[in-house]
């Protein structure tokens, strides 16, 4: 299987799909919103190696802390899907 995707390989109805797409509020906050000071509790957790590497690379590129970014993503998810309103 080739990973080379050509624009000509797009579905013929792509324009119609884009015209009818619905824009939704983003699930995740921006990277700048992920860095904030809150009370923390240390835990041990196993995280997918690929995901962790992506966080580390992005954090290094933007002079941020990857653990704070991960914490922000978890917090946003919990607030949106796990908290009772």
Protein backbone atom coordinates (compact mmCIF):
# COMPACT_ATOMS: atom_id res chain seq x y z
CA UNK A 1 0.00 0.00 0.00
CA UNK A 2 1.41 3.33 -1.02
CA UNK A 3 1.40 6.35 1.30
CA UNK A 4 1.71 8.68 -1.69
CA UNK A 5 -1.68 10.38 -1.93
CA UNK A 6 -2.39 12.39 -5.03
CA UNK A 7 -4.99 15.13 -5.14
CA UNK A 8 -6.53 13.34 -8.10
CA UNK A 9 -7.30 10.44 -5.74
CA UNK A 10 -9.83 12.54 -3.78
CA UNK A 11 -13.47 11.43 -3.93
CA UNK A 12 -15.39 13.10 -6.73
CA UNK A 13 -17.96 14.48 -4.27
CA UNK A 14 -15.31 16.18 -2.08
CA UNK A 15 -16.49 19.69 -3.02
CA UNK A 16 -20.06 18.83 -2.00
CA UNK A 17 -18.82 17.26 1.24
CA UNK A 18 -16.84 20.39 2.10
CA UNK A 19 -19.81 22.64 1.29
CA UNK A 20 -22.06 20.69 3.66
CA UNK A 21 -19.47 20.29 6.43
CA UNK A 22 -20.44 21.56 9.86
CA UNK A 23 -17.89 23.56 11.84
CA UNK A 24 -17.92 22.63 15.52
CA UNK A 25 -16.22 24.01 18.59
CA UNK A 26 -12.85 22.39 19.00
CA UNK A 27 -12.49 19.68 21.63
CA UNK A 28 -8.98 20.66 22.49
CA UNK A 29 -7.64 24.00 23.65
CA UNK A 30 -4.84 25.76 21.85
CA UNK A 31 -1.31 24.88 23.03
CA UNK A 32 -1.02 28.23 24.80
CA UNK A 33 -4.14 27.41 26.83
CA UNK A 34 -2.64 24.07 27.90
CA UNK A 35 -0.03 25.69 30.13
CA UNK A 36 -1.52 26.90 33.41
CA UNK A 37 -0.69 26.48 37.06
CA UNK A 38 -3.04 24.25 39.04
CA UNK A 39 -2.66 21.89 41.97
CA UNK A 40 -1.14 18.63 40.75
CA UNK A 41 -0.96 15.05 41.97
CA UNK A 42 1.83 12.76 40.80
CA UNK A 43 0.79 9.48 39.19
CA UNK A 44 2.37 6.80 37.05
CA UNK A 45 0.74 6.24 33.67
CA UNK A 46 1.62 4.40 30.48
CA UNK A 47 1.08 6.54 27.37
CA UNK A 48 1.22 5.51 23.74
CA UNK A 49 4.83 6.01 22.61
CA UNK A 50 3.87 7.77 19.37
CA UNK A 51 1.54 10.24 21.11
CA UNK A 52 4.11 10.99 23.78
CA UNK A 53 6.76 11.70 21.16
CA UNK A 54 4.42 14.11 19.35
CA UNK A 55 3.81 16.01 22.60
CA UNK A 56 7.54 16.13 23.34
CA UNK A 57 8.40 17.40 19.86
CA UNK A 58 5.72 20.09 19.93
CA UNK A 59 6.67 21.18 23.43
CA UNK A 60 10.35 21.44 22.50
CA UNK A 61 9.53 23.44 19.37
CA UNK A 62 7.40 25.89 21.37
CA UNK A 63 9.50 25.98 24.54
CA UNK A 64 6.71 24.43 26.61
CA UNK A 65 6.39 21.48 28.98
CA UNK A 66 4.93 18.36 27.42
CA UNK A 67 3.50 17.11 30.71
CA UNK A 68 1.56 20.35 31.13
CA UNK A 69 0.24 20.02 27.60
CA UNK A 70 -0.92 16.44 28.24
CA UNK A 71 -2.53 17.59 31.49
CA UNK A 72 -4.37 20.33 29.59
CA UNK A 73 -5.71 17.88 27.03
CA UNK A 74 -6.93 15.54 29.77
CA UNK A 75 -8.52 18.43 31.65
CA UNK A 76 -10.35 19.67 28.57
CA UNK A 77 -11.63 16.19 27.79
CA UNK A 78 -12.79 15.67 31.36
CA UNK A 79 -14.54 19.03 31.45
CA UNK A 80 -16.34 18.43 28.15
CA UNK A 81 -17.27 14.76 28.48
CA UNK A 82 -16.98 13.66 32.09
CA UNK A 83 -18.28 16.54 34.19
CA UNK A 84 -21.93 16.61 35.08
CA UNK A 85 -23.74 19.80 34.20
